[in-house]
N, C-alpha and C. Protein backbone atom coordinates (compact mmCIF):
# COMPACT_ATOMS: atom_id res chain seq x y z
N MET A 1 101.23 120.45 89.23
CA MET A 1 101.20 119.86 90.57
C MET A 1 102.63 119.72 91.12
N ALA A 2 102.81 120.09 92.36
CA ALA A 2 104.14 120.03 92.98
C ALA A 2 104.58 118.59 93.17
N GLY A 3 105.89 118.40 93.28
CA GLY A 3 106.43 117.08 93.52
C GLY A 3 106.09 116.58 94.92
N LYS A 4 106.14 115.27 95.09
CA LYS A 4 105.82 114.64 96.36
C LYS A 4 107.07 114.01 96.97
N ILE A 5 107.05 113.80 98.28
CA ILE A 5 108.22 113.34 99.01
C ILE A 5 107.96 111.99 99.68
N SER A 6 108.93 111.09 99.54
CA SER A 6 108.86 109.77 100.17
C SER A 6 110.18 109.54 100.90
N PRO A 7 110.30 109.99 102.15
CA PRO A 7 111.57 109.84 102.88
C PRO A 7 111.98 108.37 103.04
N SER A 8 113.27 108.13 102.87
CA SER A 8 113.81 106.78 102.94
C SER A 8 114.04 106.36 104.38
N MET A 9 113.28 105.35 104.82
CA MET A 9 113.36 104.94 106.21
C MET A 9 114.63 104.17 106.54
N MET A 10 115.40 103.75 105.55
CA MET A 10 116.69 103.13 105.85
C MET A 10 117.71 104.18 106.29
N CYS A 11 117.38 105.46 106.08
CA CYS A 11 118.29 106.54 106.43
C CYS A 11 117.93 107.23 107.75
N VAL A 12 116.81 106.83 108.34
CA VAL A 12 116.38 107.46 109.59
C VAL A 12 117.30 107.03 110.73
N ASP A 13 117.40 107.87 111.74
CA ASP A 13 118.13 107.52 112.95
C ASP A 13 117.25 106.56 113.76
N PHE A 14 117.59 105.28 113.77
CA PHE A 14 116.75 104.28 114.42
C PHE A 14 116.61 104.52 115.92
N ARG A 15 117.55 105.25 116.50
CA ARG A 15 117.46 105.56 117.93
C ARG A 15 116.36 106.58 118.21
N ARG A 16 115.94 107.29 117.17
CA ARG A 16 114.90 108.32 117.32
C ARG A 16 113.76 108.03 116.34
N LEU A 17 113.46 106.77 116.15
CA LEU A 17 112.52 106.37 115.10
C LEU A 17 111.14 107.01 115.27
N GLU A 18 110.53 106.84 116.43
CA GLU A 18 109.17 107.35 116.61
C GLU A 18 109.14 108.88 116.53
N GLU A 19 110.13 109.51 117.10
CA GLU A 19 110.22 110.97 117.04
C GLU A 19 110.35 111.44 115.59
N SER A 20 111.16 110.73 114.81
CA SER A 20 111.35 111.10 113.41
C SER A 20 110.10 110.88 112.58
N VAL A 21 109.40 109.77 112.82
CA VAL A 21 108.16 109.50 112.10
C VAL A 21 107.13 110.59 112.38
N LYS A 22 107.02 111.00 113.62
CA LYS A 22 106.07 112.05 113.96
C LYS A 22 106.45 113.38 113.29
N ALA A 23 107.76 113.65 113.21
CA ALA A 23 108.20 114.88 112.54
C ALA A 23 107.87 114.83 111.05
N LEU A 24 108.04 113.66 110.44
CA LEU A 24 107.69 113.51 109.03
C LEU A 24 106.19 113.66 108.81
N GLU A 25 105.42 113.15 109.76
CA GLU A 25 103.97 113.28 109.68
C GLU A 25 103.55 114.74 109.77
N GLN A 26 104.14 115.47 110.69
CA GLN A 26 103.83 116.88 110.86
C GLN A 26 104.27 117.71 109.66
N ALA A 27 105.32 117.25 108.99
CA ALA A 27 105.81 117.94 107.79
C ALA A 27 104.95 117.65 106.56
N GLY A 28 104.03 116.68 106.68
CA GLY A 28 103.10 116.41 105.59
C GLY A 28 103.66 115.62 104.43
N VAL A 29 104.65 114.76 104.69
CA VAL A 29 105.19 113.96 103.59
C VAL A 29 104.10 113.01 103.07
N GLU A 30 104.18 112.71 101.79
CA GLU A 30 103.12 111.92 101.16
C GLU A 30 103.26 110.42 101.39
N TYR A 31 104.50 109.94 101.50
CA TYR A 31 104.76 108.51 101.69
C TYR A 31 105.97 108.32 102.61
N LEU A 32 106.12 107.10 103.12
CA LEU A 32 107.36 106.66 103.76
C LEU A 32 107.92 105.53 102.91
N HIS A 33 109.19 105.64 102.55
CA HIS A 33 109.82 104.70 101.62
C HIS A 33 110.58 103.62 102.37
N PHE A 34 110.27 102.37 102.06
CA PHE A 34 110.92 101.23 102.72
C PHE A 34 111.69 100.40 101.69
N ASP A 35 113.00 100.37 101.85
CA ASP A 35 113.86 99.56 101.00
C ASP A 35 113.97 98.17 101.59
N VAL A 36 113.51 97.18 100.84
CA VAL A 36 113.56 95.79 101.29
C VAL A 36 114.59 95.07 100.42
N MET A 37 115.67 94.58 101.04
CA MET A 37 116.77 93.94 100.31
C MET A 37 117.03 92.55 100.85
N ASP A 38 117.29 91.61 99.95
CA ASP A 38 117.38 90.20 100.34
C ASP A 38 118.79 89.63 100.36
N GLY A 39 119.79 90.45 100.03
CA GLY A 39 121.16 89.93 100.01
C GLY A 39 121.50 89.14 98.77
N HIS A 40 120.56 89.01 97.85
CA HIS A 40 120.79 88.28 96.59
C HIS A 40 120.66 89.21 95.40
N PHE A 41 119.51 89.85 95.28
CA PHE A 41 119.33 90.79 94.17
C PHE A 41 120.27 91.98 94.32
N VAL A 42 120.48 92.40 95.57
CA VAL A 42 121.49 93.41 95.90
C VAL A 42 122.31 92.89 97.07
N PRO A 43 123.56 93.34 97.20
CA PRO A 43 124.44 92.80 98.24
C PRO A 43 124.26 93.50 99.59
N ASN A 44 123.04 93.52 100.07
CA ASN A 44 122.75 94.15 101.35
C ASN A 44 121.46 93.56 101.89
N PHE A 45 121.24 93.72 103.18
CA PHE A 45 119.99 93.28 103.82
C PHE A 45 119.38 94.50 104.51
N THR A 46 118.11 94.79 104.21
CA THR A 46 117.42 95.84 104.97
C THR A 46 115.97 95.48 105.13
N LEU A 47 115.26 96.40 105.50
CA LEU A 47 114.06 96.53 106.28
C LEU A 47 113.06 95.41 106.12
N GLY A 48 112.93 94.63 107.18
CA GLY A 48 112.06 93.47 107.16
C GLY A 48 110.65 93.77 107.63
N PRO A 49 109.78 92.77 107.57
CA PRO A 49 108.36 92.97 107.90
C PRO A 49 108.11 93.40 109.34
N ASP A 50 108.92 92.94 110.28
CA ASP A 50 108.70 93.33 111.68
C ASP A 50 108.94 94.82 111.88
N PHE A 51 110.01 95.32 111.29
CA PHE A 51 110.30 96.76 111.38
C PHE A 51 109.17 97.57 110.74
N ILE A 52 108.74 97.14 109.56
CA ILE A 52 107.69 97.85 108.84
C ILE A 52 106.38 97.82 109.62
N ARG A 53 106.08 96.68 110.23
CA ARG A 53 104.87 96.56 111.03
C ARG A 53 104.93 97.51 112.24
N CYS A 54 106.11 97.67 112.80
CA CYS A 54 106.30 98.58 113.93
C CYS A 54 105.99 100.01 113.53
N VAL A 55 106.48 100.42 112.36
CA VAL A 55 106.24 101.79 111.90
C VAL A 55 104.75 101.99 111.59
N ARG A 56 104.09 100.96 111.10
CA ARG A 56 102.65 101.04 110.84
C ARG A 56 101.87 101.49 112.08
N GLU A 57 102.36 101.06 113.23
CA GLU A 57 101.67 101.39 114.48
C GLU A 57 101.87 102.85 114.90
N MET A 58 102.81 103.53 114.23
CA MET A 58 103.15 104.90 114.60
C MET A 58 102.47 105.96 113.75
N THR A 59 101.97 105.58 112.56
CA THR A 59 101.52 106.60 111.62
C THR A 59 100.49 106.05 110.64
N SER A 60 99.76 106.97 110.03
CA SER A 60 98.81 106.61 108.98
C SER A 60 99.31 107.02 107.60
N ILE A 61 100.55 107.49 107.50
CA ILE A 61 101.13 107.85 106.21
C ILE A 61 101.21 106.59 105.34
N PRO A 62 100.80 106.66 104.07
CA PRO A 62 100.93 105.48 103.19
C PRO A 62 102.40 105.08 103.03
N PHE A 63 102.60 103.79 102.77
CA PHE A 63 103.95 103.25 102.63
C PHE A 63 104.32 103.07 101.15
N ASP A 64 105.59 103.22 100.89
CA ASP A 64 106.16 103.11 99.55
C ASP A 64 107.21 102.00 99.61
N PHE A 65 106.81 100.78 99.21
CA PHE A 65 107.69 99.61 99.28
C PHE A 65 108.56 99.51 98.03
N HIS A 66 109.85 99.38 98.22
CA HIS A 66 110.77 99.13 97.11
C HIS A 66 111.41 97.76 97.36
N LEU A 67 110.91 96.76 96.64
CA LEU A 67 111.35 95.38 96.86
C LEU A 67 112.54 95.05 95.98
N MET A 68 113.72 95.16 96.55
CA MET A 68 114.96 94.79 95.86
C MET A 68 115.28 93.34 96.20
N VAL A 69 114.43 92.46 95.71
CA VAL A 69 114.53 91.04 96.04
C VAL A 69 114.30 90.21 94.78
N GLU A 70 114.88 89.03 94.77
CA GLU A 70 114.62 88.09 93.69
C GLU A 70 113.22 87.49 93.86
N ARG A 71 112.51 87.34 92.75
CA ARG A 71 111.16 86.79 92.74
C ARG A 71 110.27 87.48 93.79
N PRO A 72 110.04 88.76 93.65
CA PRO A 72 109.27 89.51 94.64
C PRO A 72 107.85 88.98 94.83
N GLU A 73 107.32 88.31 93.81
CA GLU A 73 105.96 87.78 93.92
C GLU A 73 105.81 86.78 95.07
N THR A 74 106.92 86.20 95.50
CA THR A 74 106.86 85.19 96.56
C THR A 74 106.82 85.80 97.96
N VAL A 75 107.07 87.11 98.08
CA VAL A 75 107.13 87.72 99.42
C VAL A 75 106.06 88.79 99.62
N LEU A 76 105.25 89.05 98.65
CA LEU A 76 104.24 90.11 98.80
C LEU A 76 103.35 89.90 100.02
N SER A 77 102.98 88.66 100.28
CA SER A 77 102.07 88.37 101.39
C SER A 77 102.74 88.54 102.75
N VAL A 78 104.06 88.63 102.79
CA VAL A 78 104.78 88.76 104.05
C VAL A 78 104.63 90.16 104.64
N PHE A 79 104.43 91.13 103.75
CA PHE A 79 104.40 92.52 104.18
C PHE A 79 102.96 93.02 104.33
N ASP A 80 102.80 93.95 105.24
CA ASP A 80 101.48 94.50 105.54
C ASP A 80 101.14 95.57 104.49
N ILE A 81 100.87 95.12 103.27
CA ILE A 81 100.56 96.03 102.17
C ILE A 81 99.09 96.41 102.25
N ARG A 82 98.84 97.72 102.15
CA ARG A 82 97.48 98.22 102.32
C ARG A 82 97.07 99.09 101.14
N ALA A 83 95.78 99.34 101.06
CA ALA A 83 95.25 100.22 100.01
C ALA A 83 95.92 101.59 100.09
N GLY A 84 96.34 102.11 98.94
CA GLY A 84 96.99 103.41 98.90
C GLY A 84 98.50 103.35 98.96
N ASP A 85 99.07 102.19 99.34
CA ASP A 85 100.52 102.03 99.33
C ASP A 85 101.03 101.94 97.89
N ILE A 86 102.32 102.13 97.73
CA ILE A 86 103.02 101.87 96.47
C ILE A 86 103.89 100.63 96.66
N VAL A 87 103.91 99.76 95.66
CA VAL A 87 104.82 98.61 95.70
C VAL A 87 105.59 98.56 94.39
N SER A 88 106.91 98.75 94.49
CA SER A 88 107.78 98.70 93.31
C SER A 88 108.55 97.39 93.30
N VAL A 89 108.50 96.71 92.17
CA VAL A 89 109.30 95.50 91.97
C VAL A 89 110.21 95.75 90.77
N HIS A 90 111.34 95.08 90.76
CA HIS A 90 112.31 95.33 89.69
C HIS A 90 111.98 94.53 88.44
N GLN A 91 112.06 95.21 87.32
CA GLN A 91 111.87 94.55 86.03
C GLN A 91 112.85 93.39 85.89
N GLU A 92 114.03 93.54 86.46
CA GLU A 92 115.07 92.53 86.30
C GLU A 92 114.85 91.32 87.21
N ALA A 93 113.92 91.42 88.18
CA ALA A 93 113.83 90.40 89.23
C ALA A 93 112.61 89.50 89.15
N SER A 94 111.59 89.92 88.41
CA SER A 94 110.35 89.15 88.37
C SER A 94 110.19 88.48 87.02
N ILE A 95 110.08 87.16 87.02
CA ILE A 95 109.95 86.40 85.77
C ILE A 95 108.62 86.70 85.09
N HIS A 96 107.56 86.71 85.87
CA HIS A 96 106.22 86.97 85.34
C HIS A 96 105.77 88.35 85.83
N LEU A 97 106.34 89.38 85.23
CA LEU A 97 106.18 90.74 85.72
C LEU A 97 104.72 91.19 85.69
N GLN A 98 104.03 90.94 84.61
CA GLN A 98 102.64 91.41 84.50
C GLN A 98 101.77 90.76 85.60
N ARG A 99 101.96 89.49 85.83
CA ARG A 99 101.20 88.79 86.86
C ARG A 99 101.49 89.38 88.24
N THR A 100 102.75 89.71 88.49
CA THR A 100 103.13 90.30 89.78
C THR A 100 102.48 91.66 89.97
N LEU A 101 102.47 92.47 88.92
CA LEU A 101 101.84 93.79 89.00
C LEU A 101 100.34 93.68 89.24
N GLN A 102 99.72 92.72 88.61
CA GLN A 102 98.29 92.51 88.82
C GLN A 102 98.01 92.08 90.25
N HIS A 103 98.88 91.25 90.80
CA HIS A 103 98.73 90.82 92.21
C HIS A 103 98.80 92.02 93.14
N ILE A 104 99.73 92.93 92.86
CA ILE A 104 99.86 94.14 93.69
C ILE A 104 98.58 94.97 93.61
N ARG A 105 98.05 95.13 92.41
CA ARG A 105 96.81 95.89 92.25
C ARG A 105 95.66 95.21 92.99
N ASP A 106 95.61 93.89 92.93
CA ASP A 106 94.56 93.15 93.61
C ASP A 106 94.62 93.33 95.13
N MET A 107 95.81 93.64 95.63
CA MET A 107 95.98 93.90 97.06
C MET A 107 95.55 95.32 97.45
N GLY A 108 95.20 96.13 96.45
CA GLY A 108 94.76 97.49 96.70
C GLY A 108 95.85 98.53 96.62
N ALA A 109 97.08 98.09 96.32
CA ALA A 109 98.22 99.01 96.25
C ALA A 109 98.45 99.48 94.81
N LYS A 110 99.34 100.46 94.68
CA LYS A 110 99.68 101.01 93.38
C LYS A 110 100.88 100.25 92.81
N PRO A 111 100.71 99.55 91.68
CA PRO A 111 101.82 98.78 91.12
C PRO A 111 102.84 99.68 90.42
N SER A 112 104.10 99.37 90.66
CA SER A 112 105.21 100.15 90.10
C SER A 112 106.34 99.23 89.70
N VAL A 113 107.05 99.60 88.65
CA VAL A 113 108.25 98.86 88.24
C VAL A 113 109.47 99.75 88.47
N ALA A 114 110.51 99.16 89.05
CA ALA A 114 111.77 99.86 89.25
C ALA A 114 112.76 99.46 88.15
N LEU A 115 113.51 100.46 87.68
CA LEU A 115 114.50 100.24 86.63
C LEU A 115 115.88 100.63 87.14
N ASN A 116 116.83 99.70 87.06
CA ASN A 116 118.21 100.01 87.40
C ASN A 116 118.80 100.98 86.37
N PRO A 117 119.91 101.65 86.70
CA PRO A 117 120.48 102.63 85.77
C PRO A 117 120.76 102.08 84.37
N ALA A 118 121.16 100.82 84.26
CA ALA A 118 121.52 100.26 82.95
C ALA A 118 120.34 99.59 82.24
N THR A 119 119.17 99.57 82.87
CA THR A 119 118.00 98.94 82.25
C THR A 119 117.28 99.95 81.37
N PRO A 120 117.09 99.63 80.09
CA PRO A 120 116.45 100.60 79.18
C PRO A 120 114.98 100.80 79.50
N ILE A 121 114.48 101.98 79.19
CA ILE A 121 113.09 102.29 79.50
C ILE A 121 112.11 101.48 78.65
N TYR A 122 112.53 101.04 77.48
CA TYR A 122 111.62 100.26 76.64
C TYR A 122 111.33 98.88 77.23
N ALA A 123 112.06 98.48 78.25
CA ALA A 123 111.87 97.16 78.86
C ALA A 123 110.50 97.03 79.53
N ILE A 124 109.82 98.15 79.76
CA ILE A 124 108.50 98.07 80.42
C ILE A 124 107.36 98.41 79.46
N ASP A 125 107.65 98.51 78.17
CA ASP A 125 106.60 98.88 77.21
C ASP A 125 105.38 97.97 77.29
N GLU A 126 105.60 96.67 77.52
CA GLU A 126 104.49 95.72 77.49
C GLU A 126 103.67 95.67 78.77
N VAL A 127 104.09 96.42 79.79
CA VAL A 127 103.31 96.42 81.04
C VAL A 127 102.83 97.83 81.41
N LEU A 128 102.90 98.77 80.50
CA LEU A 128 102.48 100.13 80.81
C LEU A 128 101.03 100.20 81.26
N ASP A 129 100.18 99.34 80.70
CA ASP A 129 98.77 99.32 81.09
C ASP A 129 98.58 98.90 82.55
N ASP A 130 99.59 98.26 83.12
CA ASP A 130 99.48 97.71 84.48
C ASP A 130 100.12 98.60 85.54
N LEU A 131 100.64 99.75 85.14
CA LEU A 131 101.44 100.57 86.05
C LEU A 131 100.73 101.83 86.50
N GLU A 132 101.06 102.26 87.71
CA GLU A 132 100.70 103.59 88.17
C GLU A 132 101.94 104.45 88.36
N LEU A 133 103.08 103.81 88.55
CA LEU A 133 104.35 104.53 88.69
C LEU A 133 105.46 103.73 88.03
N VAL A 134 106.56 104.45 87.75
CA VAL A 134 107.83 103.83 87.38
C VAL A 134 108.90 104.44 88.29
N LEU A 135 109.67 103.58 88.93
CA LEU A 135 110.74 104.03 89.83
C LEU A 135 112.07 103.99 89.07
N VAL A 136 112.64 105.15 88.82
CA VAL A 136 113.93 105.24 88.14
C VAL A 136 115.04 105.30 89.19
N MET A 137 115.86 104.26 89.21
CA MET A 137 117.01 104.26 90.11
C MET A 137 118.09 105.16 89.53
N THR A 138 118.49 106.16 90.29
CA THR A 138 119.51 107.09 89.82
C THR A 138 120.88 106.77 90.41
N VAL A 139 120.95 105.68 91.18
CA VAL A 139 122.20 105.02 91.58
C VAL A 139 121.96 103.53 91.42
N ASN A 140 123.01 102.75 91.47
CA ASN A 140 122.82 101.30 91.48
C ASN A 140 122.32 100.88 92.85
N PRO A 141 121.27 100.06 92.91
CA PRO A 141 120.62 99.80 94.19
C PRO A 141 121.48 98.98 95.15
N GLY A 142 121.22 99.20 96.44
CA GLY A 142 121.89 98.40 97.46
C GLY A 142 122.37 99.17 98.66
N PHE A 143 122.86 100.41 98.44
CA PHE A 143 123.44 101.16 99.54
C PHE A 143 123.10 102.64 99.43
N ALA A 144 122.90 103.28 100.57
CA ALA A 144 122.70 104.73 100.62
C ALA A 144 124.04 105.43 100.47
N GLY A 145 123.99 106.71 100.10
CA GLY A 145 125.20 107.54 100.06
C GLY A 145 126.01 107.45 98.79
N GLN A 146 125.46 106.87 97.73
CA GLN A 146 126.19 106.76 96.47
C GLN A 146 126.06 108.04 95.65
N LYS A 147 126.96 108.18 94.66
CA LYS A 147 126.91 109.32 93.75
C LYS A 147 125.90 109.06 92.64
N LEU A 148 125.29 110.13 92.18
CA LEU A 148 124.34 110.05 91.09
C LEU A 148 124.99 109.51 89.82
N VAL A 149 124.29 108.62 89.12
CA VAL A 149 124.70 108.21 87.78
C VAL A 149 124.18 109.28 86.83
N PRO A 150 125.05 110.11 86.23
CA PRO A 150 124.59 111.30 85.49
C PRO A 150 123.59 111.01 84.37
N SER A 151 123.76 109.89 83.68
CA SER A 151 122.89 109.59 82.54
C SER A 151 121.43 109.38 82.95
N THR A 152 121.18 109.16 84.24
CA THR A 152 119.81 108.89 84.67
C THR A 152 118.92 110.13 84.60
N ILE A 153 119.50 111.32 84.58
CA ILE A 153 118.69 112.52 84.39
C ILE A 153 118.07 112.50 82.99
N ARG A 154 118.86 112.16 81.99
CA ARG A 154 118.33 112.02 80.62
C ARG A 154 117.30 110.89 80.56
N LYS A 155 117.54 109.87 81.35
CA LYS A 155 116.61 108.72 81.36
C LYS A 155 115.24 109.15 81.87
N ILE A 156 115.20 109.98 82.91
CA ILE A 156 113.92 110.48 83.43
C ILE A 156 113.17 111.23 82.33
N ALA A 157 113.88 112.12 81.64
CA ALA A 157 113.25 112.90 80.57
C ALA A 157 112.77 111.99 79.44
N GLY A 158 113.59 111.00 79.10
CA GLY A 158 113.20 110.07 78.04
C GLY A 158 111.99 109.24 78.42
N LEU A 159 111.92 108.84 79.68
CA LEU A 159 110.76 108.07 80.16
C LEU A 159 109.50 108.92 80.12
N LYS A 160 109.62 110.18 80.53
CA LYS A 160 108.46 111.07 80.51
C LYS A 160 107.90 111.17 79.09
N GLU A 161 108.78 111.35 78.13
CA GLU A 161 108.36 111.46 76.73
C GLU A 161 107.74 110.15 76.26
N ARG A 162 108.34 109.03 76.64
CA ARG A 162 107.85 107.72 76.18
C ARG A 162 106.47 107.42 76.77
N LEU A 163 106.26 107.78 78.02
CA LEU A 163 104.95 107.56 78.63
C LEU A 163 103.87 108.35 77.89
N LYS A 164 104.16 109.58 77.56
CA LYS A 164 103.21 110.40 76.81
C LYS A 164 102.96 109.82 75.43
N ALA A 165 104.03 109.42 74.74
CA ALA A 165 103.92 108.90 73.38
C ALA A 165 103.12 107.61 73.33
N ASN A 166 103.15 106.84 74.43
CA ASN A 166 102.43 105.57 74.48
C ASN A 166 101.06 105.69 75.12
N GLY A 167 100.61 106.93 75.33
CA GLY A 167 99.27 107.14 75.85
C GLY A 167 99.11 106.96 77.34
N HIS A 168 100.21 107.12 78.10
CA HIS A 168 100.15 106.94 79.55
C HIS A 168 100.77 108.12 80.30
N PRO A 169 100.31 109.34 80.03
CA PRO A 169 100.89 110.49 80.73
C PRO A 169 100.57 110.51 82.22
N GLU A 170 99.57 109.71 82.64
CA GLU A 170 99.17 109.69 84.05
C GLU A 170 100.12 108.88 84.93
N VAL A 171 100.95 108.04 84.32
CA VAL A 171 101.90 107.23 85.09
C VAL A 171 102.98 108.15 85.67
N GLU A 172 103.14 108.09 86.98
CA GLU A 172 104.09 108.97 87.64
C GLU A 172 105.50 108.38 87.61
N ILE A 173 106.47 109.27 87.74
CA ILE A 173 107.88 108.86 87.80
C ILE A 173 108.43 109.15 89.19
N GLU A 174 108.93 108.10 89.82
CA GLU A 174 109.59 108.22 91.12
C GLU A 174 111.09 108.11 90.91
N VAL A 175 111.87 108.82 91.70
CA VAL A 175 113.33 108.78 91.58
C VAL A 175 113.94 108.44 92.93
N ASP A 176 115.02 107.66 92.89
CA ASP A 176 115.65 107.17 94.11
C ASP A 176 117.15 107.05 93.90
N GLY A 177 117.92 107.79 94.69
CA GLY A 177 119.37 107.69 94.64
C GLY A 177 120.04 109.04 94.56
N ASN A 178 120.69 109.45 95.64
CA ASN A 178 121.37 110.76 95.72
C ASN A 178 120.44 111.90 95.32
N VAL A 179 119.24 111.88 95.90
CA VAL A 179 118.26 112.93 95.61
C VAL A 179 118.55 114.11 96.54
N SER A 180 119.66 114.77 96.25
CA SER A 180 120.05 115.96 97.00
C SER A 180 119.20 117.13 96.55
N TRP A 181 119.34 118.26 97.22
CA TRP A 181 118.57 119.45 96.83
C TRP A 181 118.90 119.84 95.38
N ASP A 182 120.19 119.87 95.04
CA ASP A 182 120.58 120.27 93.69
C ASP A 182 120.10 119.25 92.65
N ASN A 183 120.29 117.97 92.95
CA ASN A 183 119.87 116.95 92.00
C ASN A 183 118.35 116.89 91.86
N ALA A 184 117.64 117.17 92.96
CA ALA A 184 116.18 117.15 92.91
C ALA A 184 115.64 118.18 91.92
N VAL A 185 116.28 119.33 91.87
CA VAL A 185 115.87 120.37 90.91
C VAL A 185 115.99 119.84 89.49
N LYS A 186 117.11 119.20 89.17
CA LYS A 186 117.32 118.64 87.83
C LYS A 186 116.33 117.53 87.53
N MET A 187 116.08 116.68 88.52
CA MET A 187 115.14 115.57 88.33
C MET A 187 113.72 116.09 88.11
N ARG A 188 113.35 117.12 88.84
CA ARG A 188 112.03 117.71 88.68
C ARG A 188 111.88 118.31 87.28
N GLN A 189 112.89 119.01 86.84
CA GLN A 189 112.86 119.60 85.50
C GLN A 189 112.78 118.53 84.42
N ALA A 190 113.37 117.36 84.68
CA ALA A 190 113.34 116.26 83.72
C ALA A 190 112.00 115.55 83.69
N GLY A 191 111.19 115.72 84.76
CA GLY A 191 109.86 115.12 84.75
C GLY A 191 109.52 114.25 85.93
N ALA A 192 110.36 114.21 86.97
CA ALA A 192 110.08 113.37 88.14
C ALA A 192 108.93 113.95 88.96
N ASP A 193 108.15 113.04 89.56
CA ASP A 193 106.98 113.43 90.35
C ASP A 193 107.12 113.13 91.83
N LEU A 194 107.78 112.03 92.16
CA LEU A 194 107.90 111.56 93.54
C LEU A 194 109.36 111.32 93.85
N PHE A 195 109.82 111.84 94.99
CA PHE A 195 111.24 111.88 95.29
C PHE A 195 111.55 111.12 96.58
N VAL A 196 112.42 110.11 96.48
CA VAL A 196 112.88 109.38 97.66
C VAL A 196 114.02 110.19 98.28
N ALA A 197 113.77 110.73 99.46
CA ALA A 197 114.72 111.65 100.09
C ALA A 197 115.43 110.95 101.24
N GLY A 198 116.75 111.08 101.28
CA GLY A 198 117.53 110.40 102.31
C GLY A 198 118.52 111.31 102.99
N THR A 199 119.74 110.81 103.17
CA THR A 199 120.75 111.53 103.95
C THR A 199 121.25 112.79 103.26
N SER A 200 121.07 112.90 101.95
CA SER A 200 121.55 114.09 101.25
C SER A 200 120.53 115.22 101.25
N SER A 201 119.36 114.98 101.85
CA SER A 201 118.33 116.03 101.78
C SER A 201 117.52 116.19 103.07
N VAL A 202 116.87 115.15 103.57
CA VAL A 202 115.95 115.34 104.70
C VAL A 202 116.39 114.64 105.99
N PHE A 203 117.42 113.81 105.94
CA PHE A 203 117.94 113.19 107.15
C PHE A 203 119.41 113.59 107.33
N ARG A 204 119.61 114.86 107.60
CA ARG A 204 120.96 115.39 107.79
C ARG A 204 121.22 115.49 109.30
N LYS A 205 122.29 114.85 109.72
CA LYS A 205 122.57 114.69 111.15
C LYS A 205 122.55 116.02 111.89
N GLY A 206 121.76 116.06 112.97
CA GLY A 206 121.73 117.23 113.82
C GLY A 206 120.83 118.36 113.34
N GLU A 207 120.16 118.17 112.18
CA GLU A 207 119.31 119.24 111.64
C GLU A 207 117.84 118.86 111.76
N ASP A 208 117.00 119.87 111.83
CA ASP A 208 115.58 119.68 112.05
C ASP A 208 114.91 119.09 110.80
N ILE A 209 114.21 117.97 110.98
CA ILE A 209 113.61 117.27 109.84
C ILE A 209 112.55 118.14 109.17
N GLN A 210 111.71 118.79 109.93
CA GLN A 210 110.64 119.59 109.33
C GLN A 210 111.19 120.76 108.52
N MET A 211 112.25 121.37 109.01
CA MET A 211 112.88 122.45 108.28
C MET A 211 113.49 121.94 106.97
N LEU A 212 114.11 120.76 107.04
CA LEU A 212 114.72 120.18 105.85
C LEU A 212 113.66 119.79 104.81
N ILE A 213 112.53 119.27 105.28
CA ILE A 213 111.43 118.94 104.37
C ILE A 213 110.93 120.20 103.66
N GLU A 214 110.80 121.28 104.41
CA GLU A 214 110.33 122.54 103.84
C GLU A 214 111.30 123.03 102.76
N ARG A 215 112.58 122.93 103.04
CA ARG A 215 113.57 123.36 102.04
C ARG A 215 113.53 122.45 100.82
N PHE A 216 113.35 121.15 101.05
CA PHE A 216 113.30 120.22 99.94
C PHE A 216 112.08 120.48 99.04
N ARG A 217 110.96 120.80 99.68
CA ARG A 217 109.75 121.08 98.90
C ARG A 217 109.95 122.26 97.94
N ALA A 218 110.73 123.22 98.37
CA ALA A 218 111.01 124.38 97.51
C ALA A 218 111.77 123.95 96.26
N CYS A 219 112.55 122.87 96.37
CA CYS A 219 113.34 122.41 95.22
C CYS A 219 112.48 121.68 94.19
N ILE A 220 111.35 121.11 94.63
CA ILE A 220 110.54 120.28 93.74
C ILE A 220 109.16 120.87 93.48
N ALA A 221 109.01 122.15 93.79
CA ALA A 221 107.71 122.81 93.59
C ALA A 221 107.34 122.85 92.10
């Protein structure tokens, strides 16, 4: 099965938001990725519920929430989470991780755990039964435009092997951080399934989004 694309909405040109969303829809992307940051878990603030609600009115594409917030279980109800969406919470941020994942599933969404570059993959062994995805951060979270942490390519491959060894080959691997065309090829070869695409791949200033999506798909086929 070919890889799937989740364009990062923090990288979209906000002046052309509706036009860009329609172009992504026409290009057939599988998800729209929303980075939610609280200024505590990461030193940045991004996409709040009002912005996300606005985009909901423009498209039927499922949403891919990445909650880079402390105690994410306290804000789940703030967002318009719907059946078929993905919700990723950080292993490092939720005290009662299993309970949080179950809450996400109860909302009809796909529960996912995000792992920072320095967080070992064995940290999620006890919640594998509760997951549909694992989000591997290939940069340290907080800002777009960072360089890839090279060791995260090996981490993707190691996670793929660990999921199989623990009887969960169906759990998908999502990758986020400097997912350029060249890096996407390496990530795909390592075992990634879903790719968060930003300024290094599908939101390149002055270039056609649909054409860029088509080129990106060739990298993750």
